[in-house]
């Protein structure tokens, strides 16, 4: 499961992508299964995933998760369709 998350801590937005390690860290912290995310993702869940993915990508974030959350100005999931544009299917009019 990969999510591209847009994060703005006040210094301009950046995007991070989750990976298996990020998801496992979330499962361990919240004692849930990743399939639970399909039912809907809460802001704390999204913030935690962004926090862990930021650390994994070498982005300097506060050492304490709550301090990271206090700095977040904007947080959201990037549109998957925007990241993978597709071409229109050919018509049968040929």
PDB file of N, CA and C in Angstrom:
ATOM      1  N   UNK A   1       0.846  -1.171   0.000  1.00  0.00           N
ATOM      2  CA  UNK A   1       0.000   0.000   0.000  1.00  0.00           C
ATOM      3  C   UNK A   1       0.889   1.231   0.000  1.00  0.00           C
ATOM      4  N   UNK A   2       0.704   2.071  -0.992  1.00  0.00           N
ATOM      5  CA  UNK A   2       1.470   3.302  -1.079  1.00  0.00           C
ATOM      6  C   UNK A   2       0.516   4.477  -1.122  1.00  0.00           C
ATOM      7  N   UNK A   3       0.808   5.449  -0.285  1.00  0.00           N
ATOM      8  CA  UNK A   3       0.069   6.706  -0.297  1.00  0.00           C
ATOM      9  C   UNK A   3       1.070   7.827  -0.517  1.00  0.00           C
ATOM     10  N   UNK A   4       0.740   8.741  -1.396  1.00  0.00           N
ATOM     11  CA  UNK A   4       1.533   9.954  -1.546  1.00  0.00           C
ATOM     12  C   UNK A   4       0.836  11.026  -0.728  1.00  0.00           C
ATOM     13  N   UNK A   5       1.571  11.565   0.243  1.00  0.00           N
ATOM     14  CA  UNK A   5       0.990  12.519   1.181  1.00  0.00           C
ATOM     15  C   UNK A   5       1.668  13.871   1.018  1.00  0.00           C
ATOM     16  N   UNK A   6       0.838  14.900   0.836  1.00  0.00           N
ATOM     17  CA  UNK A   6       1.326  16.276   0.739  1.00  0.00           C
ATOM     18  C   UNK A   6       1.356  16.874   2.141  1.00  0.00           C
ATOM     19  N   UNK A   7       2.512  17.408   2.518  1.00  0.00           N
ATOM     20  CA  UNK A   7       2.711  17.945   3.866  1.00  0.00           C
ATOM     21  C   UNK A   7       3.242  19.370   3.750  1.00  0.00           C
ATOM     22  N   UNK A   8       2.720  20.262   4.572  1.00  0.00           N
ATOM     23  CA  UNK A   8       3.279  21.608   4.664  1.00  0.00           C
ATOM     24  C   UNK A   8       3.442  21.945   6.139  1.00  0.00           C
ATOM     25  N   UNK A   9       4.691  22.119   6.546  1.00  0.00           N
ATOM     26  CA  UNK A   9       5.010  22.461   7.926  1.00  0.00           C
ATOM     27  C   UNK A   9       5.255  23.960   8.090  1.00  0.00           C
ATOM     28  N   UNK A  10       4.870  24.718   7.064  1.00  0.00           N
ATOM     29  CA  UNK A  10       5.054  26.159   7.109  1.00  0.00           C
ATOM     30  C   UNK A  10       6.227  26.646   6.286  1.00  0.00           C
ATOM     31  N   UNK A  11       7.037  25.722   5.774  1.00  0.00           N
ATOM     32  CA  UNK A  11       8.203  26.083   4.958  1.00  0.00           C
ATOM     33  C   UNK A  11       7.965  25.780   3.484  1.00  0.00           C
ATOM     34  N   UNK A  12       6.727  25.533   3.108  1.00  0.00           N
ATOM     35  CA  UNK A  12       6.399  25.129   1.746  1.00  0.00           C
ATOM     36  C   UNK A  12       6.084  23.645   1.708  1.00  0.00           C
ATOM     37  N   UNK A  13       5.203  23.253   0.815  1.00  0.00           N
ATOM     38  CA  UNK A  13       4.760  21.852   0.777  1.00  0.00           C
ATOM     39  C   UNK A  13       5.812  20.911   0.197  1.00  0.00           C
ATOM     40  N   UNK A  14       5.738  19.679   0.626  1.00  0.00           N
ATOM     41  CA  UNK A  14       6.526  18.589   0.055  1.00  0.00           C
ATOM     42  C   UNK A  14       5.655  17.343   0.049  1.00  0.00           C
ATOM     43  N   UNK A  15       6.042  16.363  -0.741  1.00  0.00           N
ATOM     44  CA  UNK A  15       5.283  15.121  -0.848  1.00  0.00           C
ATOM     45  C   UNK A  15       6.167  13.954  -0.455  1.00  0.00           C
ATOM     46  N   UNK A  16       5.614  13.064   0.352  1.00  0.00           N
ATOM     47  CA  UNK A  16       6.300  11.824   0.725  1.00  0.00           C
ATOM     48  C   UNK A  16       5.400  10.651   0.361  1.00  0.00           C
ATOM     49  N   UNK A  17       6.009   9.504   0.153  1.00  0.00           N
ATOM     50  CA  UNK A  17       5.265   8.296  -0.189  1.00  0.00           C
ATOM     51  C   UNK A  17       5.520   7.241   0.872  1.00  0.00           C
ATOM     52  N   UNK A  18       4.455   6.631   1.337  1.00  0.00           N
ATOM     53  CA  UNK A  18       4.592   5.572   2.336  1.00  0.00           C
ATOM     54  C   UNK A  18       5.129   4.307   1.678  1.00  0.00           C
ATOM     55  N   UNK A  19       5.644   3.419   2.505  1.00  0.00           N
ATOM     56  CA  UNK A  19       6.092   2.105   2.036  1.00  0.00           C
ATOM     57  C   UNK A  19       5.705   1.072   3.103  1.00  0.00           C
ATOM     58  N   UNK A  20       6.121  -0.145   2.927  1.00  0.00           N
ATOM     59  CA  UNK A  20       5.751  -1.207   3.860  1.00  0.00           C
ATOM     60  C   UNK A  20       6.200  -0.879   5.286  1.00  0.00           C
ATOM     61  N   UNK A  21       7.410  -0.356   5.446  1.00  0.00           N
ATOM     62  CA  UNK A  21       7.913  -0.027   6.779  1.00  0.00           C
ATOM     63  C   UNK A  21       7.017   1.013   7.461  1.00  0.00           C
ATOM     64  N   UNK A  22       6.588   2.011   6.705  1.00  0.00           N
ATOM     65  CA  UNK A  22       5.710   3.050   7.244  1.00  0.00           C
ATOM     66  C   UNK A  22       4.398   2.455   7.731  1.00  0.00           C
ATOM     67  N   UNK A  23       3.821   1.590   6.918  1.00  0.00           N
ATOM     68  CA  UNK A  23       2.537   0.969   7.264  1.00  0.00           C
ATOM     69  C   UNK A  23       2.682   0.067   8.487  1.00  0.00           C
ATOM     70  N   UNK A  24       3.758  -0.703   8.550  1.00  0.00           N
ATOM     71  CA  UNK A  24       3.985  -1.580   9.711  1.00  0.00           C
ATOM     72  C   UNK A  24       4.156  -0.749  10.978  1.00  0.00           C
ATOM     73  N   UNK A  25       4.860   0.371  10.881  1.00  0.00           N
ATOM     74  CA  UNK A  25       5.015   1.249  12.049  1.00  0.00           C
ATOM     75  C   UNK A  25       3.648   1.750  12.518  1.00  0.00           C
ATOM     76  N   UNK A  26       2.777   2.104  11.562  1.00  0.00           N
ATOM     77  CA  UNK A  26       1.422   2.548  11.907  1.00  0.00           C
ATOM     78  C   UNK A  26       0.642   1.413  12.587  1.00  0.00           C
ATOM     79  N   UNK A  27       0.719   0.192  12.016  1.00  0.00           N
ATOM     80  CA  UNK A  27       0.015  -0.960  12.599  1.00  0.00           C
ATOM     81  C   UNK A  27       0.476  -1.220  14.032  1.00  0.00           C
ATOM     82  N   UNK A  28       1.770  -1.135  14.266  1.00  0.00           N
ATOM     83  CA  UNK A  28       2.304  -1.385  15.604  1.00  0.00           C
ATOM     84  C   UNK A  28       1.847  -0.322  16.600  1.00  0.00           C
ATOM     85  N   UNK A  29       1.877   0.930  16.193  1.00  0.00           N
ATOM     86  CA  UNK A  29       1.516   2.020  17.105  1.00  0.00           C
ATOM     87  C   UNK A  29       0.029   1.996  17.439  1.00  0.00           C
ATOM     88  N   UNK A  30      -0.810   1.767  16.443  1.00  0.00           N
ATOM     89  CA  UNK A  30      -2.255   1.862  16.645  1.00  0.00           C
ATOM     90  C   UNK A  30      -2.954   0.507  16.789  1.00  0.00           C
ATOM     91  N   UNK A  31      -2.173  -0.568  16.805  1.00  0.00           N
ATOM     92  CA  UNK A  31      -2.717  -1.919  17.000  1.00  0.00           C
ATOM     93  C   UNK A  31      -3.889  -2.187  16.043  1.00  0.00           C
ATOM     94  N   UNK A  32      -3.679  -1.838  14.785  1.00  0.00           N
ATOM     95  CA  UNK A  32      -4.692  -2.018  13.748  1.00  0.00           C
ATOM     96  C   UNK A  32      -4.061  -2.692  12.546  1.00  0.00           C
ATOM     97  N   UNK A  33      -4.889  -3.065  11.602  1.00  0.00           N
ATOM     98  CA  UNK A  33      -4.415  -3.656  10.354  1.00  0.00           C
ATOM     99  C   UNK A  33      -4.552  -2.629   9.235  1.00  0.00           C
ATOM    100  N   UNK A  34      -3.665  -2.707   8.268  1.00  0.00           N
ATOM    101  CA  UNK A  34      -3.699  -1.740   7.178  1.00  0.00           C
ATOM    102  C   UNK A  34      -5.024  -1.771   6.429  1.00  0.00           C
ATOM    103  N   UNK A  35      -5.693  -2.915   6.425  1.00  0.00           N
ATOM    104  CA  UNK A  35      -6.998  -2.996   5.754  1.00  0.00           C
ATOM    105  C   UNK A  35      -8.018  -2.058   6.411  1.00  0.00           C
ATOM    106  N   UNK A  36      -7.811  -1.702   7.686  1.00  0.00           N
ATOM    107  CA  UNK A  36      -8.701  -0.759   8.362  1.00  0.00           C
ATOM    108  C   UNK A  36      -8.638   0.631   7.720  1.00  0.00           C
ATOM    109  N   UNK A  37      -7.513   0.954   7.100  1.00  0.00           N
ATOM    110  CA  UNK A  37      -7.370   2.255   6.453  1.00  0.00           C
ATOM    111  C   UNK A  37      -8.309   2.400   5.261  1.00  0.00           C
ATOM    112  N   UNK A  38      -8.675   1.282   4.645  1.00  0.00           N
ATOM    113  CA  UNK A  38      -9.572   1.330   3.490  1.00  0.00           C
ATOM    114  C   UNK A  38     -10.965   1.819   3.875  1.00  0.00           C
ATOM    115  N   UNK A  39     -11.322   1.672   5.134  1.00  0.00           N
ATOM    116  CA  UNK A  39     -12.639   2.117   5.607  1.00  0.00           C
ATOM    117  C   UNK A  39     -12.693   3.625   5.796  1.00  0.00           C
ATOM    118  N   UNK A  40     -11.559   4.259   5.824  1.00  0.00           N
ATOM    119  CA  UNK A  40     -11.467   5.699   6.036  1.00  0.00           C
ATOM    120  C   UNK A  40     -10.258   5.988   6.893  1.00  0.00           C
ATOM    121  N   UNK A  41      -9.582   7.065   6.562  1.00  0.00           N
ATOM    122  CA  UNK A  41      -8.353   7.389   7.276  1.00  0.00           C
ATOM    123  C   UNK A  41      -8.569   8.669   8.084  1.00  0.00           C
ATOM    124  N   UNK A  42      -8.230   8.597   9.356  1.00  0.00           N
ATOM    125  CA  UNK A  42      -8.347   9.759  10.233  1.00  0.00           C
ATOM    126  C   UNK A  42      -7.143  10.673  10.065  1.00  0.00           C
ATOM    127  N   UNK A  43      -7.287  11.888  10.531  1.00  0.00           N
ATOM    128  CA  UNK A  43      -6.201  12.855  10.414  1.00  0.00           C
ATOM    129  C   UNK A  43      -4.975  12.444  11.234  1.00  0.00           C
ATOM    130  N   UNK A  44      -5.199  11.840  12.411  1.00  0.00           N
ATOM    131  CA  UNK A  44      -4.048  11.391  13.197  1.00  0.00           C
ATOM    132  C   UNK A  44      -3.306  10.285  12.451  1.00  0.00           C
ATOM    133  N   UNK A  45      -4.053   9.379  11.821  1.00  0.00           N
ATOM    134  CA  UNK A  45      -3.428   8.313  11.040  1.00  0.00           C
ATOM    135  C   UNK A  45      -2.600   8.912   9.905  1.00  0.00           C
ATOM    136  N   UNK A  46      -3.194   9.849   9.176  1.00  0.00           N
ATOM    137  CA  UNK A  46      -2.507  10.473   8.052  1.00  0.00           C
ATOM    138  C   UNK A  46      -1.268  11.230   8.526  1.00  0.00           C
ATOM    139  N   UNK A  47      -1.393  11.940   9.633  1.00  0.00           N
ATOM    140  CA  UNK A  47      -0.258  12.680  10.176  1.00  0.00           C
ATOM    141  C   UNK A  47       0.868  11.731  10.584  1.00  0.00           C
ATOM    142  N   UNK A  48       0.520  10.605  11.218  1.00  0.00           N
ATOM    143  CA  UNK A  48       1.542   9.646  11.629  1.00  0.00           C
ATOM    144  C   UNK A  48       2.252   9.062  10.414  1.00  0.00           C
ATOM    145  N   UNK A  49       1.485   8.702   9.383  1.00  0.00           N
ATOM    146  CA  UNK A  49       2.095   8.163   8.168  1.00  0.00           C
ATOM    147  C   UNK A  49       3.022   9.194   7.522  1.00  0.00           C
ATOM    148  N   UNK A  50       2.598  10.459   7.503  1.00  0.00           N
ATOM    149  CA  UNK A  50       3.437  11.523   6.942  1.00  0.00           C
ATOM    150  C   UNK A  50       4.703  11.714   7.778  1.00  0.00           C
ATOM    151  N   UNK A  51       4.558  11.655   9.084  1.00  0.00           N
ATOM    152  CA  UNK A  51       5.687  11.803  10.010  1.00  0.00           C
ATOM    153  C   UNK A  51       6.717  10.701   9.772  1.00  0.00           C
ATOM    154  N   UNK A  52       6.265   9.465   9.749  1.00  0.00           N
ATOM    155  CA  UNK A  52       7.183   8.337   9.550  1.00  0.00           C
ATOM    156  C   UNK A  52       7.812   8.372   8.161  1.00  0.00           C
ATOM    157  N   UNK A  53       7.015   8.661   7.140  1.00  0.00           N
ATOM    158  CA  UNK A  53       7.545   8.715   5.774  1.00  0.00           C
ATOM    159  C   UNK A  53       8.551   9.855   5.632  1.00  0.00           C
ATOM    160  N   UNK A  54       8.296  10.969   6.301  1.00  0.00           N
ATOM    161  CA  UNK A  54       9.246  12.094   6.263  1.00  0.00           C
ATOM    162  C   UNK A  54      10.579  11.679   6.862  1.00  0.00           C
ATOM    163  N   UNK A  55      10.543  11.039   8.027  1.00  0.00           N
ATOM    164  CA  UNK A  55      11.788  10.587   8.669  1.00  0.00           C
ATOM    165  C   UNK A  55      12.544   9.621   7.763  1.00  0.00           C
ATOM    166  N   UNK A  56      11.822   8.704   7.127  1.00  0.00           N
ATOM    167  CA  UNK A  56      12.469   7.717   6.261  1.00  0.00           C
ATOM    168  C   UNK A  56      13.100   8.345   5.026  1.00  0.00           C
ATOM    169  N   UNK A  57      12.562   9.495   4.615  1.00  0.00           N
ATOM    170  CA  UNK A  57      13.082  10.176   3.433  1.00  0.00           C
ATOM    171  C   UNK A  57      14.109  11.247   3.779  1.00  0.00           C
ATOM    172  N   UNK A  58      14.580  11.266   5.029  1.00  0.00           N
ATOM    173  CA  UNK A  58      15.632  12.185   5.429  1.00  0.00           C
ATOM    174  C   UNK A  58      15.173  13.622   5.621  1.00  0.00           C
ATOM    175  N   UNK A  59      13.867  13.828   5.735  1.00  0.00           N
ATOM    176  CA  UNK A  59      13.339  15.163   5.978  1.00  0.00           C
ATOM    177  C   UNK A  59      13.371  15.413   7.479  1.00  0.00           C
ATOM    178  N   UNK A  60      13.953  16.521   7.873  1.00  0.00           N
ATOM    179  CA  UNK A  60      14.085  16.835   9.294  1.00  0.00           C
ATOM    180  C   UNK A  60      12.714  17.220   9.851  1.00  0.00           C
ATOM    181  N   UNK A  61      12.275  16.458  10.853  1.00  0.00           N
ATOM    182  CA  UNK A  61      11.003  16.708  11.533  1.00  0.00           C
ATOM    183  C   UNK A  61      11.277  16.708  13.035  1.00  0.00           C
ATOM    184  N   UNK A  62      10.378  17.282  13.824  1.00  0.00           N
ATOM    185  CA  UNK A  62      10.568  17.238  15.281  1.00  0.00           C
ATOM    186  C   UNK A  62      10.694  15.796  15.775  1.00  0.00           C
ATOM    187  N   UNK A  63      11.431  15.609  16.848  1.00  0.00           N
ATOM    188  CA  UNK A  63      11.649  14.274  17.400  1.00  0.00           C
ATOM    189  C   UNK A  63      10.377  13.679  17.998  1.00  0.00           C
ATOM    190  N   UNK A  64       9.460  14.528  18.432  1.00  0.00           N
ATOM    191  CA  UNK A  64       8.221  14.075  19.068  1.00  0.00           C
ATOM    192  C   UNK A  64       7.061  14.259  18.085  1.00  0.00           C
ATOM    193  N   UNK A  65       6.273  13.211  17.888  1.00  0.00           N
ATOM    194  CA  UNK A  65       5.156  13.234  16.934  1.00  0.00           C
ATOM    195  C   UNK A  65       4.209  14.409  17.182  1.00  0.00           C
ATOM    196  N   UNK A  66       3.829  14.661  18.432  1.00  0.00           N
ATOM    197  CA  UNK A  66       2.903  15.765  18.731  1.00  0.00           C
ATOM    198  C   UNK A  66       3.472  17.116  18.319  1.00  0.00           C
ATOM    199  N   UNK A  67       4.780  17.274  18.416  1.00  0.00           N
ATOM    200  CA  UNK A  67       5.399  18.524  17.966  1.00  0.00           C
ATOM    201  C   UNK A  67       5.315  18.656  16.442  1.00  0.00           C
ATOM    202  N   UNK A  68       5.413  17.533  15.742  1.00  0.00           N
ATOM    203  CA  UNK A  68       5.230  17.522  14.290  1.00  0.00           C
ATOM    204  C   UNK A  68       3.811  17.961  13.957  1.00  0.00           C
ATOM    205  N   UNK A  69       2.828  17.385  14.632  1.00  0.00           N
ATOM    206  CA  UNK A  69       1.423  17.707  14.371  1.00  0.00           C
ATOM    207  C   UNK A  69       1.161  19.200  14.609  1.00  0.00           C
ATOM    208  N   UNK A  70       1.761  19.764  15.634  1.00  0.00           N
ATOM    209  CA  UNK A  70       1.580  21.195  15.931  1.00  0.00           C
ATOM    210  C   UNK A  70       2.090  22.081  14.803  1.00  0.00           C
ATOM    211  N   UNK A  71       3.099  21.612  14.062  1.00  0.00           N
ATOM    212  CA  UNK A  71       3.689  22.399  12.978  1.00  0.00           C
ATOM    213  C   UNK A  71       2.942  22.254  11.651  1.00  0.00           C
ATOM    214  N   UNK A  72       2.120  21.227  11.510  1.00  0.00           N
ATOM    215  CA  UNK A  72       1.456  20.962  10.229  1.00  0.00           C
ATOM    216  C   UNK A  72       0.485  22.092   9.890  1.00  0.00           C
ATOM    217  N   UNK A  73       0.710  22.706   8.729  1.00  0.00           N
ATOM    218  CA  UNK A  73      -0.176  23.747   8.211  1.00  0.00           C
ATOM    219  C   UNK A  73      -1.207  23.170   7.256  1.00  0.00           C
ATOM    220  N   UNK A  74      -0.799  22.135   6.516  1.00  0.00           N
ATOM    221  CA  UNK A  74      -1.680  21.489   5.537  1.00  0.00           C
ATOM    222  C   UNK A  74      -1.230  20.044   5.373  1.00  0.00           C
ATOM    223  N   UNK A  75      -2.208  19.171   5.194  1.00  0.00           N
ATOM    224  CA  UNK A  75      -1.928  17.737   5.102  1.00  0.00           C
ATOM    225  C   UNK A  75      -3.013  17.097   4.258  1.00  0.00           C
ATOM    226  N   UNK A  76      -2.617  16.296   3.278  1.00  0.00           N
ATOM    227  CA  UNK A  76      -3.615  15.630   2.449  1.00  0.00           C
ATOM    228  C   UNK A  76      -3.001  14.560   1.577  1.00  0.00           C
ATOM    229  N   UNK A  77      -3.850  13.680   1.085  1.00  0.00           N
ATOM    230  CA  UNK A  77      -3.418  12.620   0.178  1.00  0.00           C
ATOM    231  C   UNK A  77      -3.417  13.183  -1.233  1.00  0.00           C
ATOM    232  N   UNK A  78      -2.322  12.976  -1.944  1.00  0.00           N
ATOM    233  CA  UNK A  78      -2.233  13.404  -3.331  1.00  0.00           C
ATOM    234  C   UNK A  78      -3.202  12.580  -4.166  1.00  0.00           C
ATOM    235  N   UNK A  79      -3.758  13.186  -5.180  1.00  0.00           N
ATOM    236  CA  UNK A  79      -4.689  12.515  -6.076  1.00  0.00           C
ATOM    237  C   UNK A  79      -3.934  11.469  -6.887  1.00  0.00           C
ATOM    238  N   UNK A  80      -4.311  10.210  -6.720  1.00  0.00           N
ATOM    239  CA  UNK A  80      -3.633   9.105  -7.419  1.00  0.00           C
ATOM    240  C   UNK A  80      -3.793   9.232  -8.932  1.00  0.00           C
ATOM    241  N   UNK A  81      -4.928   9.734  -9.409  1.00  0.00           N
ATOM    242  CA  UNK A  81      -5.146   9.886 -10.844  1.00  0.00           C
ATOM    243  C   UNK A  81      -4.204  10.920 -11.442  1.00  0.00           C
ATOM    244  N   UNK A  82      -3.866  11.928 -10.660  1.00  0.00           N
ATOM    245  CA  UNK A  82      -2.963  12.961 -11.122  1.00  0.00           C
ATOM    246  C   UNK A  82      -1.548  12.403 -11.281  1.00  0.00           C
ATOM    247  N   UNK A  83      -1.173  11.490 -10.413  1.00  0.00           N
ATOM    248  CA  UNK A  83       0.170  10.920 -10.450  1.00  0.00           C
ATOM    249  C   UNK A  83       0.338   9.929 -11.589  1.00  0.00           C
ATOM    250  N   UNK A  84      -0.754   9.313 -12.043  1.00  0.00           N
ATOM    251  CA  UNK A  84      -0.685   8.317 -13.108  1.00  0.00           C
ATOM    252  C   UNK A  84      -1.712   8.623 -14.196  1.00  0.00           C
ATOM    253  N   UNK A  85      -1.445   9.618 -15.024  1.00  0.00           N
ATOM    254  CA  UNK A  85      -2.417   9.936 -16.077  1.00  0.00           C
ATOM    255  C   UNK A  85      -2.515   8.793 -17.067  1.00  0.00           C
ATOM    256  N   UNK A  86      -3.684   8.619 -17.614  1.00  0.00           N
ATOM    257  CA  UNK A  86      -3.887   7.566 -18.598  1.00  0.00           C
ATOM    258  C   UNK A  86      -4.398   8.183 -19.892  1.00  0.00           C
ATOM    259  N   UNK A  87      -4.153   7.475 -20.966  1.00  0.00           N
ATOM    260  CA  UNK A  87      -4.640   7.935 -22.262  1.00  0.00           C
ATOM    261  C   UNK A  87      -6.056   7.426 -22.456  1.00  0.00           C
ATOM    262  N   UNK A  88      -6.797   8.176 -23.265  1.00  0.00           N
ATOM    263  CA  UNK A  88      -8.158   7.762 -23.586  1.00  0.00           C
ATOM    264  C   UNK A  88      -8.105   6.483 -24.418  1.00  0.00           C
ATOM    265  N   UNK A  89      -9.031   5.586 -24.166  1.00  0.00           N
ATOM    266  CA  UNK A  89      -9.088   4.335 -24.914  1.00  0.00           C
ATOM    267  C   UNK A  89      -9.415   4.632 -26.375  1.00  0.00           C
ATOM    268  N   UNK A  90      -8.798   3.902 -27.323  1.00  0.00           N
ATOM    269  CA  UNK A  90      -9.101   4.131 -28.728  1.00  0.00           C
ATOM    270  C   UNK A  90     -10.556   3.772 -29.034  1.00  0.00           C
ATOM    271  N   UNK A  91     -11.146   4.503 -29.943  1.00  0.00           N
ATOM    272  CA  UNK A  91     -12.549   4.230 -30.297  1.00  0.00           C
ATOM    273  C   UNK A  91     -12.621   3.160 -31.364  1.00  0.00           C
ATOM    274  N   UNK A  92     -13.799   2.612 -31.559  1.00  0.00           N
ATOM    275  CA  UNK A  92     -14.005   1.575 -32.585  1.00  0.00           C
ATOM    276  C   UNK A  92     -14.331   2.175 -33.937  1.00  0.00           C
ATOM    277  N   UNK A  93     -14.199   3.491 -34.085  1.00  0.00           N
ATOM    278  CA  UNK A  93     -14.544   4.176 -35.325  1.00  0.00           C
ATOM    279  C   UNK A  93     -13.481   4.050 -36.407  1.00  0.00           C
ATOM    280  N   UNK A  94     -12.413   3.318 -36.185  1.00  0.00           N
ATOM    281  CA  UNK A  94     -11.307   3.225 -37.169  1.00  0.00           C
ATOM    282  C   UNK A  94     -11.714   2.473 -38.358  1.00  0.00           C
TER     283      UNK A  94
END
